C-alpha atoms as a PDB file:
ATOM      1  CA  MET A   1     -17.452  56.671  -4.231  1.00  0.00           C
ATOM      2  CA  GLU A   2     -15.626  54.017  -2.368  1.00  0.00           C
ATOM      3  CA  ARG A   3     -14.625  50.641  -5.044  1.00  0.00           C
ATOM      4  CA  ASN A   4     -16.333  47.317  -3.857  1.00  0.00           C
ATOM      5  CA  THR A   5     -13.421  45.522  -2.714  1.00  0.00           C
ATOM      6  CA  ASN A   6     -15.427  42.324  -1.767  1.00  0.00           C
ATOM      7  CA  THR A   7     -15.976  41.091  -5.452  1.00  0.00           C
ATOM      8  CA  PRO A   8     -15.082  37.145  -5.535  1.00  0.00           C
ATOM      9  CA  LYS A   9     -12.100  36.531  -7.328  1.00  0.00           C
ATOM     10  CA  ARG A  10     -12.859  34.530 -10.616  1.00  0.00           C
ATOM     11  CA  GLN A  11     -11.541  31.101 -10.638  1.00  0.00           C
ATOM     12  CA  PRO A  12      -9.783  29.894 -13.751  1.00  0.00           C
ATOM     13  CA  ALA A  13     -11.565  27.645 -15.819  1.00  0.00           C
ATOM     14  CA  LEU A  14     -10.344  24.066 -15.781  1.00  0.00           C
ATOM     15  CA  ALA A  15      -9.682  21.494 -18.478  1.00  0.00           C
ATOM     16  CA  GLY A  16      -8.953  17.813 -18.376  1.00  0.00           C
ATOM     17  CA  ARG A  17      -5.487  16.605 -18.995  1.00  0.00           C
ATOM     18  CA  LEU A  18      -4.030  13.045 -19.510  1.00  0.00           C
ATOM     19  CA  PHE A  19      -0.334  12.278 -18.796  1.00  0.00           C
ATOM     20  CA  PHE A  20       0.967   9.095 -19.724  1.00  0.00           C
ATOM     21  CA  LEU A  21       4.098   6.820 -20.151  1.00  0.00           C
ATOM     22  CA  ASP A  22       5.840   5.094 -23.330  1.00  0.00           C
ATOM     23  CA  LEU A  23       7.546   2.124 -21.809  1.00  0.00           C
ATOM     24  CA  SER A  24       9.421   1.227 -25.076  1.00  0.00           C
ATOM     25  CA  ALA A  25      10.736   4.653 -25.714  1.00  0.00           C
ATOM     26  CA  GLY A  26      11.092   5.848 -22.093  1.00  0.00           C
ATOM     27  CA  ARG A  27       8.751   9.083 -22.792  1.00  0.00           C
ATOM     28  CA  VAL A  28       6.339  10.905 -20.758  1.00  0.00           C
ATOM     29  CA  LEU A  29       3.601  12.445 -22.839  1.00  0.00           C
ATOM     30  CA  SER A  30       0.442  14.279 -22.388  1.00  0.00           C
ATOM     31  CA  ALA A  31      -2.846  15.031 -24.355  1.00  0.00           C
ATOM     32  CA  ASN A  32      -6.251  16.582 -23.778  1.00  0.00           C
ATOM     33  CA  ALA A  33      -8.946  14.399 -22.374  1.00  0.00           C
ATOM     34  CA  ASP A  34     -10.268  14.067 -25.831  1.00  0.00           C
ATOM     35  CA  GLY A  35      -6.898  12.660 -27.012  1.00  0.00           C
ATOM     36  CA  THR A  36      -6.117  15.953 -29.031  1.00  0.00           C
ATOM     37  CA  GLY A  37      -2.937  18.175 -28.266  1.00  0.00           C
ATOM     38  CA  LEU A  38      -0.534  15.419 -27.867  1.00  0.00           C
ATOM     39  CA  THR A  39       2.993  16.178 -26.756  1.00  0.00           C
ATOM     40  CA  THR A  40       6.171  14.719 -25.605  1.00  0.00           C
ATOM     41  CA  LEU A  41       7.384  15.903 -22.222  1.00  0.00           C
ATOM     42  CA  VAL A  42      10.425  13.957 -21.416  1.00  0.00           C
ATOM     43  CA  GLU A  43      12.426  11.595 -23.456  1.00  0.00           C
ATOM     44  CA  GLU A  44      14.698   9.376 -21.130  1.00  0.00           C
ATOM     45  CA  GLY A  45      15.672   6.401 -23.056  1.00  0.00           C
ATOM     46  CA  ARG A  46      15.654   2.595 -22.077  1.00  0.00           C
ATOM     47  CA  LYS A  47      14.749   3.244 -18.340  1.00  0.00           C
ATOM     48  CA  LEU A  48      11.276   1.465 -18.613  1.00  0.00           C
ATOM     49  CA  PRO A  49       8.929   4.007 -17.007  1.00  0.00           C
ATOM     50  CA  ASP A  50       5.829   2.152 -15.618  1.00  0.00           C
ATOM     51  CA  GLY A  51       3.790   4.204 -12.969  1.00  0.00           C
ATOM     52  CA  LEU A  52       2.772   7.661 -12.868  1.00  0.00           C
ATOM     53  CA  ALA A  53       1.354  10.233 -10.185  1.00  0.00           C
ATOM     54  CA  ILE A  54       0.584  14.135 -10.190  1.00  0.00           C
ATOM     55  CA  ASP A  55       0.708  16.504  -7.478  1.00  0.00           C
ATOM     56  CA  ILE A  56      -1.213  19.135  -9.383  1.00  0.00           C
ATOM     57  CA  ALA A  57      -1.135  21.765  -6.733  1.00  0.00           C
ATOM     58  CA  ALA A  58       2.708  21.724  -6.563  1.00  0.00           C
ATOM     59  CA  GLY A  59       2.957  21.545 -10.258  1.00  0.00           C
ATOM     60  CA  HIS A  60       4.805  18.115 -10.175  1.00  0.00           C
ATOM     61  CA  LEU A  61       4.726  14.790 -12.209  1.00  0.00           C
ATOM     62  CA  TYR A  62       5.974  11.647 -10.502  1.00  0.00           C
ATOM     63  CA  TRP A  63       6.973   8.321 -12.308  1.00  0.00           C
ATOM     64  CA  THR A  64       8.722   5.208 -11.636  1.00  0.00           C
ATOM     65  CA  ASN A  65      11.656   3.532 -13.803  1.00  0.00           C
ATOM     66  CA  MET A  66      11.867  -0.119 -13.616  1.00  0.00           C
ATOM     67  CA  GLY A  67      15.167  -0.146 -14.957  1.00  0.00           C
ATOM     68  CA  ASN A  68      16.781  -3.695 -15.662  1.00  0.00           C
ATOM     69  CA  PRO A  69      14.633  -6.309 -13.915  1.00  0.00           C
ATOM     70  CA  LYS A  70      17.214  -8.385 -13.230  1.00  0.00           C
ATOM     71  CA  VAL A  71      19.414  -5.619 -11.532  1.00  0.00           C
ATOM     72  CA  ASN A  72      18.509  -3.718  -8.440  1.00  0.00           C
ATOM     73  CA  ASP A  73      18.632  -0.223 -10.406  1.00  0.00           C
ATOM     74  CA  GLY A  74      14.821   0.909 -10.262  1.00  0.00           C
ATOM     75  CA  SER A  75      14.429   4.897  -9.502  1.00  0.00           C
ATOM     76  CA  ILE A  76      11.541   7.102  -9.001  1.00  0.00           C
ATOM     77  CA  VAL A  77      12.090  10.580 -10.643  1.00  0.00           C
ATOM     78  CA  ARG A  78       9.930  14.002 -10.638  1.00  0.00           C
ATOM     79  CA  SER A  79       9.368  16.723 -13.031  1.00  0.00           C
ATOM     80  CA  ASP A  80       7.434  20.002 -13.278  1.00  0.00           C
ATOM     81  CA  LEU A  81       4.086  19.648 -15.479  1.00  0.00           C
ATOM     82  CA  ASP A  82       5.857  20.599 -18.710  1.00  0.00           C
ATOM     83  CA  GLY A  83       8.612  18.150 -18.101  1.00  0.00           C
ATOM     84  CA  ALA A  84      11.356  20.504 -16.960  1.00  0.00           C
ATOM     85  CA  ASN A  85      13.531  20.196 -13.813  1.00  0.00           C
ATOM     86  CA  LEU A  86      13.956  16.472 -13.864  1.00  0.00           C
ATOM     87  CA  THR A  87      15.034  15.345 -10.230  1.00  0.00           C
ATOM     88  CA  THR A  88      15.892  11.933  -9.008  1.00  0.00           C
ATOM     89  CA  LEU A  89      14.099  11.417  -5.664  1.00  0.00           C
ATOM     90  CA  VAL A  90      14.572   7.496  -5.234  1.00  0.00           C
ATOM     91  CA  PRO A  91      18.191   6.747  -6.692  1.00  0.00           C
ATOM     92  CA  ALA A  92      19.135   3.574  -8.822  1.00  0.00           C
ATOM     93  CA  GLY A  93      18.809   0.899  -6.241  1.00  0.00           C
ATOM     94  CA  GLY A  94      16.487   2.372  -3.731  1.00  0.00           C
ATOM     95  CA  THR A  95      13.722  -0.036  -5.242  1.00  0.00           C
ATOM     96  CA  PHE A  96      14.172  -2.799  -7.548  1.00  0.00           C
ATOM     97  CA  THR A  97      11.602  -2.848 -10.110  1.00  0.00           C
ATOM     98  CA  PRO A  98       9.121  -0.033  -9.227  1.00  0.00           C
ATOM     99  CA  LYS A  99       5.634  -0.215 -10.896  1.00  0.00           C
ATOM    100  CA  GLN A 100       2.313   1.582 -10.255  1.00  0.00           C
ATOM    101  CA  LEU A 101       2.813   4.904  -8.403  1.00  0.00           C
ATOM    102  CA  GLN A 102      -0.029   6.566  -5.979  1.00  0.00           C
ATOM    103  CA  ILE A 103       0.627  10.114  -4.187  1.00  0.00           C
ATOM    104  CA  GLN A 104      -1.246  10.937  -1.239  1.00  0.00           C
ATOM    105  CA  ASN A 105      -0.919  14.668  -0.605  1.00  0.00           C
ATOM    106  CA  SER A 106      -2.791  14.553   2.669  1.00  0.00           C
ATOM    107  CA  THR A 107      -0.090  12.528   4.220  1.00  0.00           C
ATOM    108  CA  GLY A 108       2.701  13.412   2.137  1.00  0.00           C
ATOM    109  CA  LYS A 109       3.566  10.282   0.836  1.00  0.00           C
ATOM    110  CA  LEU A 110       4.388   8.142  -2.418  1.00  0.00           C
ATOM    111  CA  TYR A 111       3.020   4.636  -2.313  1.00  0.00           C
ATOM    112  CA  TRP A 112       4.334   2.116  -4.931  1.00  0.00           C
ATOM    113  CA  CYS A 113       4.778  -1.549  -5.835  1.00  0.00           C
ATOM    114  CA  ASP A 114       8.252  -3.065  -6.338  1.00  0.00           C
ATOM    115  CA  ARG A 115       7.757  -6.143  -8.662  1.00  0.00           C
ATOM    116  CA  GLU A 116      11.088  -8.304  -8.495  1.00  0.00           C
ATOM    117  CA  GLY A 117      11.457  -6.716  -4.959  1.00  0.00           C
ATOM    118  CA  MET A 118       8.318  -8.385  -3.851  1.00  0.00           C
ATOM    119  CA  ARG A 119       7.271  -5.579  -1.745  1.00  0.00           C
ATOM    120  CA  VAL A 120       4.972  -2.686  -1.390  1.00  0.00           C
ATOM    121  CA  MET A 121       6.773   0.637  -0.295  1.00  0.00           C
ATOM    122  CA  ARG A 122       6.337   4.221   0.685  1.00  0.00           C
ATOM    123  CA  SER A 123       8.436   7.425   1.036  1.00  0.00           C
ATOM    124  CA  ASN A 124       7.848  11.156   1.428  1.00  0.00           C
ATOM    125  CA  LEU A 125       7.267  13.260  -1.583  1.00  0.00           C
ATOM    126  CA  ASP A 126      10.918  14.276  -1.572  1.00  0.00           C
ATOM    127  CA  GLY A 127      11.937  10.501  -1.901  1.00  0.00           C
ATOM    128  CA  SER A 128      13.302  10.397   1.631  1.00  0.00           C
ATOM    129  CA  ASP A 129      12.155   8.042   4.372  1.00  0.00           C
ATOM    130  CA  ILE A 130      11.734   4.848   2.347  1.00  0.00           C
ATOM    131  CA  GLU A 131       9.825   2.088   4.190  1.00  0.00           C
ATOM    132  CA  THR A 132       8.615  -1.195   3.246  1.00  0.00           C
ATOM    133  CA  LEU A 133       4.834  -1.680   4.094  1.00  0.00           C
ATOM    134  CA  ALA A 134       4.431  -5.341   3.129  1.00  0.00           C
ATOM    135  CA  ASP A 135       7.107  -7.849   2.186  1.00  0.00           C
ATOM    136  CA  THR A 136       5.929 -10.770   0.085  1.00  0.00           C
ATOM    137  CA  SER A 137       9.082 -12.452  -0.396  1.00  0.00           C
ATOM    138  CA  ARG A 138       8.712 -15.231   2.230  1.00  0.00           C
ATOM    139  CA  GLY A 139      12.589 -15.225   2.478  1.00  0.00           C
ATOM    140  CA  ASP A 140      13.246 -15.484  -1.422  1.00  0.00           C
ATOM    141  CA  PRO A 141      16.433 -13.491  -2.208  1.00  0.00           C
ATOM    142  CA  ARG A 142      15.736 -10.303  -4.640  1.00  0.00           C
ATOM    143  CA  PRO A 143      15.129 -10.255  -7.386  1.00  0.00           C
ATOM    144  CA  GLY A 144      12.360 -12.587  -7.170  1.00  0.00           C
ATOM    145  CA  ALA A 145      11.755 -15.284  -9.310  1.00  0.00           C
ATOM    146  CA  ASP A 146       8.295 -16.299  -8.366  1.00  0.00           C
ATOM    147  CA  PRO A 147       5.724 -14.065 -10.211  1.00  0.00           C
ATOM    148  CA  THR A 148       3.042 -14.859  -7.585  1.00  0.00           C
ATOM    149  CA  LYS A 149       4.791 -12.732  -5.205  1.00  0.00           C
ATOM    150  CA  TRP A 150       5.451 -10.030  -7.695  1.00  0.00           C
ATOM    151  CA  CYS A 151       3.470  -6.664  -6.311  1.00  0.00           C
ATOM    152  CA  VAL A 152       2.330  -4.595  -9.327  1.00  0.00           C
ATOM    153  CA  GLY A 153      -0.758  -2.206  -8.817  1.00  0.00           C
ATOM    154  CA  ILE A 154      -1.332  -0.126  -5.748  1.00  0.00           C
ATOM    155  CA  ALA A 155      -4.344   1.989  -4.593  1.00  0.00           C
ATOM    156  CA  VAL A 156      -4.717   3.742  -1.177  1.00  0.00           C
ATOM    157  CA  ASP A 157      -7.893   4.413   0.759  1.00  0.00           C
ATOM    158  CA  ILE A 158      -6.973   7.075   3.142  1.00  0.00           C
ATOM    159  CA  GLU A 159     -10.755   7.504   4.386  1.00  0.00           C
ATOM    160  CA  LYS A 160     -10.612   3.567   5.634  1.00  0.00           C
ATOM    161  CA  GLY A 161      -6.863   3.617   6.349  1.00  0.00           C
ATOM    162  CA  LYS A 162      -6.031   0.654   3.813  1.00  0.00           C
ATOM    163  CA  PHE A 163      -3.861   0.206   1.062  1.00  0.00           C
ATOM    164  CA  TYR A 164      -4.651  -2.380  -1.809  1.00  0.00           C
ATOM    165  CA  TRP A 165      -2.203  -4.119  -4.297  1.00  0.00           C
ATOM    166  CA  THR A 166      -2.158  -6.723  -6.901  1.00  0.00           C
ATOM    167  CA  GLN A 167      -0.021  -9.850  -7.393  1.00  0.00           C
ATOM    168  CA  LYS A 168       0.273 -10.639 -10.770  1.00  0.00           C
ATOM    169  CA  GLY A 169       1.449 -14.009 -11.084  1.00  0.00           C
ATOM    170  CA  GLY A 170       2.748 -15.766 -14.421  1.00  0.00           C
ATOM    171  CA  ASP A 171       1.605 -14.726 -17.750  1.00  0.00           C
ATOM    172  CA  ASN A 172      -1.799 -15.714 -18.277  1.00  0.00           C
ATOM    173  CA  ALA A 173      -1.801 -18.403 -15.664  1.00  0.00           C
ATOM    174  CA  GLY A 174      -4.571 -17.540 -13.331  1.00  0.00           C
ATOM    175  CA  GLN A 175      -2.528 -16.978 -10.435  1.00  0.00           C
ATOM    176  CA  GLY A 176      -3.114 -13.132  -9.905  1.00  0.00           C
ATOM    177  CA  SER A 177      -4.258 -11.935  -6.486  1.00  0.00           C
ATOM    178  CA  ILE A 178      -5.588  -8.572  -4.961  1.00  0.00           C
ATOM    179  CA  LEU A 179      -4.654  -7.852  -1.212  1.00  0.00           C
ATOM    180  CA  ARG A 180      -5.245  -5.044   1.231  1.00  0.00           C
ATOM    181  CA  ALA A 181      -3.832  -4.377   4.691  1.00  0.00           C
ATOM    182  CA  ASN A 182      -3.837  -1.336   7.014  1.00  0.00           C
ATOM    183  CA  ILE A 183      -1.784   1.586   6.300  1.00  0.00           C
ATOM    184  CA  MET A 184      -0.968   1.596   9.999  1.00  0.00           C
ATOM    185  CA  MET A 185       1.450  -1.146  10.898  1.00  0.00           C
ATOM    186  CA  PRO A 186       0.202  -3.301  13.525  1.00  0.00           C
ATOM    187  CA  GLN A 187       2.206  -2.737  16.680  1.00  0.00           C
ATOM    188  CA  GLY A 188       5.091  -5.539  17.299  1.00  0.00           C
ATOM    189  CA  GLN A 189       4.675  -6.540  13.467  1.00  0.00           C
ATOM    190  CA  THR A 190       6.878  -6.036  10.331  1.00  0.00           C
ATOM    191  CA  ALA A 191       6.318  -5.840   6.703  1.00  0.00           C
ATOM    192  CA  ALA A 192       7.309  -9.617   6.292  1.00  0.00           C
ATOM    193  CA  ASN A 193       5.255 -11.056   9.195  1.00  0.00           C
ATOM    194  CA  ARG A 194       2.246  -8.695   9.780  1.00  0.00           C
ATOM    195  CA  ARG A 195      -0.925 -10.462  10.104  1.00  0.00           C
ATOM    196  CA  ASP A 196      -3.687  -7.984   8.950  1.00  0.00           C
ATOM    197  CA  ILE A 197      -3.260  -8.877   5.357  1.00  0.00           C
ATOM    198  CA  GLU A 198      -6.641  -9.630   3.474  1.00  0.00           C
ATOM    199  CA  LEU A 199      -6.937 -11.732   0.605  1.00  0.00           C
ATOM    200  CA  LEU A 200      -9.642 -10.072  -1.825  1.00  0.00           C
ATOM    201  CA  TYR A 201      -9.550 -12.043  -4.742  1.00  0.00           C
ATOM    202  CA  ASP A 202      -7.334 -14.868  -6.357  1.00  0.00           C
ATOM    203  CA  ARG A 203      -7.105 -16.983  -9.266  1.00  0.00           C
ATOM    204  CA  LEU A 204      -7.309 -13.797 -11.240  1.00  0.00           C
ATOM    205  CA  PRO A 205      -5.754 -13.847 -14.985  1.00  0.00           C
ATOM    206  CA  GLU A 206      -3.279 -11.309 -14.374  1.00  0.00           C
ATOM    207  CA  PRO A 207      -4.194  -7.870 -12.647  1.00  0.00           C
ATOM    208  CA  ILE A 208      -2.205  -4.934 -13.073  1.00  0.00           C
ATOM    209  CA  ASP A 209      -3.008  -1.387 -12.169  1.00  0.00           C
ATOM    210  CA  LEU A 210      -5.404  -0.295  -9.343  1.00  0.00           C
ATOM    211  CA  ASP A 211      -7.580   2.785  -8.880  1.00  0.00           C
ATOM    212  CA  ILE A 212     -10.495   3.889  -6.627  1.00  0.00           C
ATOM    213  CA  ASP A 213     -13.793   5.791  -6.968  1.00  0.00           C
ATOM    214  CA  PRO A 214     -13.998   7.094  -3.362  1.00  0.00           C
ATOM    215  CA  GLY A 215     -17.221   8.423  -3.453  1.00  0.00           C
ATOM    216  CA  ALA A 216     -18.791   5.428  -4.817  1.00  0.00           C
ATOM    217  CA  ARG A 217     -16.651   3.046  -2.754  1.00  0.00           C
ATOM    218  CA  VAL A 218     -15.636   0.993  -5.709  1.00  0.00           C
ATOM    219  CA  LEU A 219     -12.383  -0.518  -6.752  1.00  0.00           C
ATOM    220  CA  TYR A 220     -11.099  -0.841 -10.421  1.00  0.00           C
ATOM    221  CA  TRP A 221      -8.280  -2.442 -12.062  1.00  0.00           C
ATOM    222  CA  THR A 222      -6.740  -3.736 -15.422  1.00  0.00           C
ATOM    223  CA  ASP A 223      -5.756  -7.336 -16.306  1.00  0.00           C
ATOM    224  CA  ARG A 224      -3.703  -8.077 -19.057  1.00  0.00           C
ATOM    225  CA  GLY A 225      -4.239 -12.068 -19.031  1.00  0.00           C
ATOM    226  CA  ASP A 226      -5.953 -13.790 -21.630  1.00  0.00           C
ATOM    227  CA  PRO A 227      -9.724 -13.425 -22.555  1.00  0.00           C
ATOM    228  CA  PRO A 228     -12.448 -13.682 -21.546  1.00  0.00           C
ATOM    229  CA  ARG A 229     -11.498 -12.707 -18.244  1.00  0.00           C
ATOM    230  CA  GLY A 230      -8.239 -10.882 -18.956  1.00  0.00           C
ATOM    231  CA  ASN A 231      -7.474  -7.828 -21.231  1.00  0.00           C
ATOM    232  CA  THR A 232     -10.282  -6.103 -19.221  1.00  0.00           C
ATOM    233  CA  VAL A 233     -10.927  -3.388 -16.488  1.00  0.00           C
ATOM    234  CA  ASN A 234     -13.118  -4.805 -13.640  1.00  0.00           C
ATOM    235  CA  ARG A 235     -14.723  -3.361 -10.609  1.00  0.00           C
ATOM    236  CA  ALA A 236     -15.712  -4.609  -7.208  1.00  0.00           C
ATOM    237  CA  PRO A 237     -17.172  -2.586  -4.200  1.00  0.00           C
ATOM    238  CA  LEU A 238     -14.438  -2.117  -1.403  1.00  0.00           C
ATOM    239  CA  ASP A 239     -16.749  -2.400   1.573  1.00  0.00           C
ATOM    240  CA  VAL A 240     -18.068  -6.109   1.478  1.00  0.00           C
ATOM    241  CA  PRO A 241     -18.000  -8.220   4.600  1.00  0.00           C
ATOM    242  CA  ALA A 242     -15.807 -11.464   4.277  1.00  0.00           C
ATOM    243  CA  GLY A 243     -17.508 -14.288   2.778  1.00  0.00           C
ATOM    244  CA  GLU A 244     -19.943 -11.922   1.209  1.00  0.00           C
ATOM    245  CA  ARG A 245     -17.717 -10.811  -1.756  1.00  0.00           C
ATOM    246  CA  CYS A 246     -19.072 -11.610  -5.358  1.00  0.00           C
ATOM    247  CA  ALA A 247     -17.269 -12.151  -8.553  1.00  0.00           C
ATOM    248  CA  PRO A 248     -15.742  -8.904  -9.908  1.00  0.00           C
ATOM    249  CA  GLU A 249     -17.874  -7.199 -12.965  1.00  0.00           C
ATOM    250  CA  ILE A 250     -15.899  -6.744 -16.157  1.00  0.00           C
ATOM    251  CA  VAL A 251     -16.739  -3.240 -17.663  1.00  0.00           C
ATOM    252  CA  PHE A 252     -14.409  -3.041 -20.467  1.00  0.00           C
ATOM    253  CA  ASP A 253     -12.637  -5.793 -22.646  1.00  0.00           C
ATOM    254  CA  HIS A 254     -10.764  -6.277 -25.888  1.00  0.00           C
ATOM    255  CA  LEU A 255      -7.637  -4.515 -24.330  1.00  0.00           C
ATOM    256  CA  MET A 256      -4.289  -5.165 -26.141  1.00  0.00           C
ATOM    257  CA  GLU A 257      -2.369  -6.207 -23.133  1.00  0.00           C
ATOM    258  CA  GLY A 258      -4.289  -3.866 -20.412  1.00  0.00           C
ATOM    259  CA  ILE A 259      -2.038  -2.079 -18.135  1.00  0.00           C
ATOM    260  CA  GLY A 260      -2.524   1.725 -16.954  1.00  0.00           C
ATOM    261  CA  LEU A 261      -6.050   2.851 -15.471  1.00  0.00           C
ATOM    262  CA  ALA A 262      -6.827   6.509 -14.231  1.00  0.00           C
ATOM    263  CA  LEU A 263     -10.378   7.373 -13.033  1.00  0.00           C
ATOM    264  CA  ASP A 264     -12.324  10.824 -13.139  1.00  0.00           C
ATOM    265  CA  PRO A 265     -14.926  10.237 -10.806  1.00  0.00           C
ATOM    266  CA  LYS A 266     -16.430  13.609 -11.108  1.00  0.00           C
ATOM    267  CA  GLY A 267     -16.708  13.138 -14.947  1.00  0.00           C
ATOM    268  CA  GLY A 268     -17.876   9.725 -14.324  1.00  0.00           C
ATOM    269  CA  ARG A 269     -15.392   8.307 -16.820  1.00  0.00           C
ATOM    270  CA  MET A 270     -12.233   6.219 -16.867  1.00  0.00           C
ATOM    271  CA  PHE A 271      -8.864   6.239 -19.034  1.00  0.00           C
ATOM    272  CA  VAL A 272      -7.152   2.970 -19.864  1.00  0.00           C
ATOM    273  CA  THR A 273      -3.834   2.373 -21.747  1.00  0.00           C
ATOM    274  CA  ASP A 274      -2.440  -0.763 -23.276  1.00  0.00           C
ATOM    275  CA  LEU A 275       0.926  -2.262 -24.408  1.00  0.00           C
ATOM    276  CA  GLY A 276      -0.600  -2.260 -28.102  1.00  0.00           C
ATOM    277  CA  GLY A 277      -0.208   1.594 -28.056  1.00  0.00           C
ATOM    278  CA  SER A 278      -3.911   2.899 -27.434  1.00  0.00           C
ATOM    279  CA  ILE A 279      -5.589   5.023 -24.995  1.00  0.00           C
ATOM    280  CA  TYR A 280      -9.383   4.630 -24.383  1.00  0.00           C
ATOM    281  CA  SER A 281     -11.944   6.293 -22.466  1.00  0.00           C
ATOM    282  CA  ALA A 282     -15.258   4.999 -21.600  1.00  0.00           C
ATOM    283  CA  ASP A 283     -17.842   5.644 -18.726  1.00  0.00           C
ATOM    284  CA  LEU A 284     -17.190   4.080 -15.238  1.00  0.00           C
ATOM    285  CA  ASP A 285     -19.851   1.310 -16.146  1.00  0.00           C
ATOM    286  CA  GLY A 286     -17.940   0.738 -19.492  1.00  0.00           C
ATOM    287  CA  THR A 287     -20.573   2.513 -21.835  1.00  0.00           C
ATOM    288  CA  ASN A 288     -19.424   5.238 -24.059  1.00  0.00           C
ATOM    289  CA  ARG A 289     -16.187   3.750 -25.117  1.00  0.00           C
ATOM    290  CA  GLN A 290     -13.954   5.496 -27.346  1.00  0.00           C
ATOM    291  CA  THR A 291     -10.528   5.293 -28.478  1.00  0.00           C
ATOM    292  CA  LEU A 292      -8.329   8.433 -28.188  1.00  0.00           C
ATOM    293  CA  GLN A 293      -4.931   7.408 -29.597  1.00  0.00           C
ATOM    294  CA  ILE A 294      -3.408   4.480 -31.390  1.00  0.00           C
ATOM    295  CA  ALA A 295       0.034   3.057 -32.084  1.00  0.00           C
ATOM    296  CA  LEU A 296       1.967   5.266 -29.759  1.00  0.00           C
ATOM    297  CA  GLY A 297       4.133   2.294 -28.580  1.00  0.00           C
ATOM    298  CA  ASN A 298       4.072   0.383 -25.430  1.00  0.00           C
ATOM    299  CA  LEU A 299       1.731   2.515 -23.296  1.00  0.00           C
ATOM    300  CA  SER A 300       1.732   1.636 -19.454  1.00  0.00           C
ATOM    301  CA  GLY A 301       0.938   4.338 -16.442  1.00  0.00           C
ATOM    302  CA  ILE A 302      -1.582   7.312 -16.990  1.00  0.00           C
ATOM    303  CA  ALA A 303      -2.701   9.802 -14.628  1.00  0.00           C
ATOM    304  CA  TYR A 304      -5.813  12.078 -15.137  1.00  0.00           C
ATOM    305  CA  VAL A 305      -6.061  15.809 -13.981  1.00  0.00           C
ATOM    306  CA  ASP A 306      -8.091  19.130 -14.061  1.00  0.00           C
ATOM    307  CA  VAL A 307      -5.854  21.973 -15.196  1.00  0.00           C
ATOM    308  CA  PRO A 308      -6.248  25.566 -15.846  1.00  0.00           C
ATOM    309  CA  ALA A 309      -7.513  26.094 -19.329  1.00  0.00           C
ATOM    310  CA  ALA A 310      -5.308  27.908 -21.949  1.00  0.00           C
END
């Protein structure tokens, strides 16, 4: 009797996994989605890691190292998911103070914000072809001293061809803003003079990281400014006509200097880090709040992925 060769191949079970950064100790860490199974993957020392992104198909972690904010020595590195095979993609000086990082596999690009460099940048996944998409310096020398021009958080909406970023402003100064522009540079324009930049929100306490729920078409962000509007996670719809945009909705509060944000739209939840060293989870509307870890250092970037279960 012939053997049936058409039996569907069983797909491996998946489990949620968090990857996140400890700014103070220069560590890359990982844990299960419930906070258990904590492990340290990389210890680099005082390079100030900030933004984190994952290419799960290729098995790679990417993160930014801010370096010394007063010196042009920021870098972007990559490792395997277990922290092995550490590789520098953007060497020191390729970007001033790289902050939040996003990966777009469909286009093979890394996107990041450069704080003291006062710009939004992009490169290929191997670090080649570095380009500036938006230059907010208005002629100021780098490193920039004006925090209203500091670019921090980044999110990319491939479906609509847009990228979003935050400019944090001074500490607790109510000068923060969120802007967006087209991924495609307008013909005849440059990063410094492009005219398609839209201001979505201004006078925010101190907006930091961004993420997008693409199915619901909602933008989320952390804000590390003073309460009641700061130290929060906020959200707002993406596709609102000019002039009809309402105040953002606060869905999570009482953070201790909120920084990192990662959404799991399929699971209907978010993960948040703060400089107080905690990791939190909650539903996307802010309910079902849980503290997953505490006192882990000064936590910055975080990412969530589904990985094959052990």
